[in-house]
Amino acid sequence: MNIRRLVLDVDKARSQPNVVEIANAIEESTNVQAVNVTVTEIDMETVGMEITVEGEHLDYQALVKAIDSTGAVVHSIDEISSGERIIENISRKR
């Protein structure tokens, strides 16, 4: 499967690692072309993040290993795009 985009729900300890270290570890993974890290929640001990990774033939297990190596934890895959191109999500009004 040609995974082109992954949106991951990730948590880290408040003190370490910093988001630059996490982004750097992900960017060093094979076939990664772009990384976006957005802090979504901060509490007393943890920081919640949404991490978007784009590339061609992304290796999910390698990305999890890279994130784990920094001390952060992947909670879930919130979005996955695969195939010949990425289909952008269009919000539908109800």
N, C-alpha and C. Protein backbone atom coordinates (compact mmCIF):
# COMPACT_ATOMS: atom_id res chain seq x y z
N MET A 1 0.85 -1.19 0.00
CA MET A 1 0.00 0.00 0.00
C MET A 1 0.89 1.24 0.00
N ASN A 2 0.57 2.18 -0.85
CA ASN A 2 1.31 3.44 -0.93
C ASN A 2 0.68 4.45 0.03
N ILE A 3 1.17 4.46 1.28
CA ILE A 3 0.68 5.44 2.25
C ILE A 3 1.33 6.77 1.93
N ARG A 4 0.49 7.79 1.70
CA ARG A 4 0.97 9.12 1.31
C ARG A 4 0.83 10.15 2.42
N ARG A 5 -0.15 9.95 3.31
CA ARG A 5 -0.34 10.88 4.43
C ARG A 5 -0.83 10.10 5.65
N LEU A 6 -0.25 10.45 6.79
CA LEU A 6 -0.71 9.93 8.07
C LEU A 6 -0.92 11.09 9.01
N VAL A 7 -2.04 11.10 9.71
CA VAL A 7 -2.28 12.06 10.78
C VAL A 7 -2.34 11.26 12.06
N LEU A 8 -1.42 11.55 12.97
CA LEU A 8 -1.27 10.77 14.19
C LEU A 8 -1.58 11.60 15.42
N ASP A 9 -2.22 10.97 16.41
CA ASP A 9 -2.46 11.56 17.72
C ASP A 9 -1.31 11.10 18.60
N VAL A 10 -0.49 12.05 19.07
CA VAL A 10 0.73 11.73 19.80
C VAL A 10 0.77 12.54 21.10
N ASP A 11 1.25 11.90 22.18
CA ASP A 11 1.47 12.59 23.45
C ASP A 11 2.93 12.51 23.83
N LYS A 12 3.37 13.53 24.55
CA LYS A 12 4.74 13.55 25.09
C LYS A 12 4.70 14.14 26.48
N ALA A 13 5.76 13.90 27.26
CA ALA A 13 5.89 14.54 28.56
C ALA A 13 6.08 16.03 28.34
N ARG A 14 5.63 16.81 29.30
CA ARG A 14 5.69 18.27 29.14
C ARG A 14 7.12 18.79 29.00
N SER A 15 8.06 18.17 29.71
CA SER A 15 9.42 18.70 29.71
C SER A 15 10.25 18.24 28.50
N GLN A 16 10.21 16.99 28.16
CA GLN A 16 11.02 16.44 27.07
C GLN A 16 10.27 15.34 26.36
N PRO A 17 10.49 15.10 25.14
CA PRO A 17 11.31 15.84 24.19
C PRO A 17 10.59 17.09 23.72
N ASN A 18 11.31 17.98 23.07
CA ASN A 18 10.62 19.14 22.51
C ASN A 18 10.11 18.78 21.11
N VAL A 19 9.21 19.58 20.59
CA VAL A 19 8.56 19.25 19.32
C VAL A 19 9.55 19.25 18.14
N VAL A 20 10.61 20.02 18.24
CA VAL A 20 11.62 20.04 17.18
C VAL A 20 12.32 18.68 17.12
N GLU A 21 12.64 18.11 18.27
CA GLU A 21 13.28 16.78 18.30
C GLU A 21 12.37 15.72 17.69
N ILE A 22 11.08 15.80 17.98
CA ILE A 22 10.13 14.83 17.42
C ILE A 22 10.04 14.99 15.91
N ALA A 23 9.88 16.23 15.44
CA ALA A 23 9.80 16.49 14.00
C ALA A 23 11.07 16.02 13.29
N ASN A 24 12.21 16.26 13.88
CA ASN A 24 13.49 15.85 13.30
C ASN A 24 13.58 14.33 13.18
N ALA A 25 13.17 13.61 14.22
CA ALA A 25 13.20 12.14 14.19
C ALA A 25 12.30 11.60 13.09
N ILE A 26 11.12 12.19 12.94
CA ILE A 26 10.18 11.76 11.89
C ILE A 26 10.75 12.06 10.51
N GLU A 27 11.29 13.27 10.34
CA GLU A 27 11.81 13.69 9.04
C GLU A 27 12.96 12.81 8.56
N GLU A 28 13.69 12.23 9.49
CA GLU A 28 14.80 11.35 9.13
C GLU A 28 14.34 9.97 8.68
N SER A 29 13.06 9.65 8.86
CA SER A 29 12.54 8.35 8.42
C SER A 29 12.47 8.31 6.89
N THR A 30 12.57 7.11 6.35
CA THR A 30 12.58 6.90 4.91
C THR A 30 11.29 7.40 4.25
N ASN A 31 11.44 8.08 3.14
CA ASN A 31 10.36 8.54 2.26
C ASN A 31 9.52 9.70 2.82
N VAL A 32 9.91 10.27 3.95
CA VAL A 32 9.16 11.40 4.50
C VAL A 32 9.55 12.66 3.73
N GLN A 33 8.52 13.35 3.21
CA GLN A 33 8.76 14.59 2.47
C GLN A 33 8.37 15.82 3.27
N ALA A 34 7.44 15.67 4.23
CA ALA A 34 6.99 16.82 5.02
C ALA A 34 6.42 16.34 6.35
N VAL A 35 6.62 17.17 7.38
CA VAL A 35 6.11 16.89 8.73
C VAL A 35 5.50 18.16 9.28
N ASN A 36 4.33 18.03 9.89
CA ASN A 36 3.70 19.15 10.57
C ASN A 36 3.32 18.69 11.97
N VAL A 37 3.79 19.41 12.98
CA VAL A 37 3.47 19.08 14.37
C VAL A 37 2.66 20.23 14.94
N THR A 38 1.44 19.93 15.40
CA THR A 38 0.56 20.93 15.98
C THR A 38 0.23 20.53 17.41
N VAL A 39 0.55 21.40 18.36
CA VAL A 39 0.19 21.15 19.75
C VAL A 39 -1.31 21.40 19.89
N THR A 40 -2.03 20.41 20.40
CA THR A 40 -3.48 20.51 20.51
C THR A 40 -3.96 20.64 21.95
N GLU A 41 -3.12 20.21 22.89
CA GLU A 41 -3.54 20.24 24.30
C GLU A 41 -2.32 20.22 25.20
N ILE A 42 -2.39 20.99 26.27
CA ILE A 42 -1.32 21.00 27.27
C ILE A 42 -1.98 20.87 28.64
N ASP A 43 -1.49 19.92 29.44
CA ASP A 43 -1.97 19.85 30.83
C ASP A 43 -0.75 19.86 31.74
N MET A 44 -0.94 19.52 32.98
CA MET A 44 0.14 19.62 33.96
C MET A 44 1.34 18.73 33.63
N GLU A 45 1.11 17.54 33.04
CA GLU A 45 2.19 16.60 32.81
C GLU A 45 2.47 16.26 31.35
N THR A 46 1.47 16.44 30.48
CA THR A 46 1.65 16.00 29.09
C THR A 46 1.26 17.08 28.08
N VAL A 47 1.75 16.87 26.87
CA VAL A 47 1.41 17.72 25.73
C VAL A 47 0.84 16.81 24.65
N GLY A 48 -0.36 17.12 24.18
CA GLY A 48 -0.98 16.38 23.09
C GLY A 48 -0.69 17.06 21.78
N MET A 49 -0.43 16.26 20.76
CA MET A 49 -0.07 16.81 19.45
C MET A 49 -0.78 16.06 18.34
N GLU A 50 -1.04 16.77 17.25
CA GLU A 50 -1.48 16.15 16.00
C GLU A 50 -0.29 16.26 15.06
N ILE A 51 0.17 15.12 14.58
CA ILE A 51 1.33 15.10 13.68
C ILE A 51 0.89 14.60 12.32
N THR A 52 1.13 15.42 11.30
CA THR A 52 0.82 15.05 9.92
C THR A 52 2.13 14.77 9.20
N VAL A 53 2.19 13.61 8.56
CA VAL A 53 3.38 13.21 7.81
C VAL A 53 2.96 12.91 6.38
N GLU A 54 3.68 13.46 5.42
CA GLU A 54 3.40 13.19 4.01
C GLU A 54 4.66 12.68 3.32
N GLY A 55 4.44 11.86 2.32
CA GLY A 55 5.54 11.30 1.54
C GLY A 55 4.99 10.26 0.59
N GLU A 56 5.85 9.38 0.13
CA GLU A 56 5.47 8.27 -0.75
C GLU A 56 5.89 6.98 -0.08
N HIS A 57 5.00 6.02 -0.04
CA HIS A 57 5.28 4.71 0.56
C HIS A 57 5.80 4.86 1.99
N LEU A 58 5.08 5.64 2.81
CA LEU A 58 5.47 5.83 4.21
C LEU A 58 5.38 4.50 4.95
N ASP A 59 6.33 4.28 5.84
CA ASP A 59 6.38 3.07 6.65
C ASP A 59 5.86 3.42 8.04
N TYR A 60 4.62 3.03 8.32
CA TYR A 60 3.98 3.38 9.60
C TYR A 60 4.81 2.88 10.78
N GLN A 61 5.25 1.64 10.74
CA GLN A 61 6.01 1.08 11.86
C GLN A 61 7.32 1.84 12.09
N ALA A 62 7.98 2.25 11.02
CA ALA A 62 9.21 3.03 11.15
C ALA A 62 8.93 4.39 11.77
N LEU A 63 7.79 5.00 11.41
CA LEU A 63 7.42 6.30 11.99
C LEU A 63 7.13 6.16 13.47
N VAL A 64 6.41 5.11 13.86
CA VAL A 64 6.13 4.87 15.28
C VAL A 64 7.43 4.67 16.04
N LYS A 65 8.35 3.90 15.46
CA LYS A 65 9.64 3.66 16.10
C LYS A 65 10.42 4.97 16.28
N ALA A 66 10.39 5.83 15.26
CA ALA A 66 11.09 7.12 15.34
C ALA A 66 10.49 7.99 16.43
N ILE A 67 9.16 8.02 16.51
CA ILE A 67 8.48 8.81 17.54
C ILE A 67 8.77 8.24 18.92
N ASP A 68 8.67 6.92 19.07
CA ASP A 68 8.97 6.26 20.35
C ASP A 68 10.39 6.54 20.81
N SER A 69 11.33 6.61 19.86
CA SER A 69 12.73 6.82 20.22
C SER A 69 12.96 8.17 20.89
N THR A 70 12.05 9.12 20.69
CA THR A 70 12.18 10.44 21.32
C THR A 70 11.57 10.46 22.71
N GLY A 71 10.77 9.43 23.03
CA GLY A 71 10.07 9.41 24.32
C GLY A 71 8.60 9.78 24.20
N ALA A 72 8.15 10.11 23.00
CA ALA A 72 6.74 10.41 22.78
C ALA A 72 6.00 9.10 22.45
N VAL A 73 4.66 9.14 22.47
CA VAL A 73 3.85 7.93 22.28
C VAL A 73 2.74 8.19 21.27
N VAL A 74 2.60 7.30 20.29
CA VAL A 74 1.50 7.38 19.33
C VAL A 74 0.27 6.73 19.95
N HIS A 75 -0.83 7.48 20.00
CA HIS A 75 -2.09 6.94 20.53
C HIS A 75 -2.97 6.36 19.46
N SER A 76 -3.02 7.01 18.29
CA SER A 76 -3.91 6.52 17.24
C SER A 76 -3.55 7.12 15.90
N ILE A 77 -4.05 6.46 14.85
CA ILE A 77 -4.03 7.03 13.50
C ILE A 77 -5.36 7.73 13.33
N ASP A 78 -5.35 9.03 13.12
CA ASP A 78 -6.58 9.80 12.95
C ASP A 78 -6.96 9.98 11.48
N GLU A 79 -6.00 9.80 10.58
CA GLU A 79 -6.29 9.89 9.14
C GLU A 79 -5.19 9.15 8.40
N ILE A 80 -5.58 8.50 7.32
CA ILE A 80 -4.60 7.86 6.44
C ILE A 80 -5.04 8.08 5.00
N SER A 81 -4.08 8.43 4.15
CA SER A 81 -4.36 8.59 2.72
C SER A 81 -3.39 7.69 1.97
N SER A 82 -3.93 6.97 0.99
CA SER A 82 -3.08 6.11 0.19
C SER A 82 -3.56 6.11 -1.25
N GLY A 83 -2.73 5.58 -2.13
CA GLY A 83 -3.09 5.50 -3.54
C GLY A 83 -2.20 6.38 -4.39
N GLU A 84 -2.70 6.72 -5.55
CA GLU A 84 -1.95 7.52 -6.52
C GLU A 84 -1.88 8.99 -6.15
N ARG A 85 -2.87 9.48 -5.40
CA ARG A 85 -2.89 10.89 -5.01
C ARG A 85 -3.62 11.02 -3.68
N ILE A 86 -3.53 12.20 -3.09
CA ILE A 86 -4.21 12.49 -1.83
C ILE A 86 -5.53 13.17 -2.13
N ILE A 87 -6.59 12.68 -1.53
CA ILE A 87 -7.90 13.31 -1.64
C ILE A 87 -8.06 14.21 -0.42
N GLU A 88 -8.23 15.50 -0.65
CA GLU A 88 -8.42 16.43 0.46
C GLU A 88 -9.82 16.27 1.03
N ASN A 89 -9.91 16.31 2.33
CA ASN A 89 -11.18 16.18 3.02
C ASN A 89 -12.00 17.45 2.86
N ILE A 90 -13.23 17.33 2.43
CA ILE A 90 -14.11 18.48 2.25
C ILE A 90 -15.21 18.41 3.30
N SER A 91 -15.30 19.45 4.14
CA SER A 91 -16.33 19.48 5.18
C SER A 91 -17.69 19.64 4.52
N ARG A 92 -18.63 18.88 5.02
CA ARG A 92 -19.98 18.91 4.48
C ARG A 92 -20.89 19.60 5.48
N LYS A 93 -21.66 20.57 5.03
CA LYS A 93 -22.59 21.28 5.92
C LYS A 93 -23.86 20.45 6.05
N ARG A 94 -24.34 20.36 7.26
CA ARG A 94 -25.57 19.61 7.52
C ARG A 94 -26.61 20.49 8.12
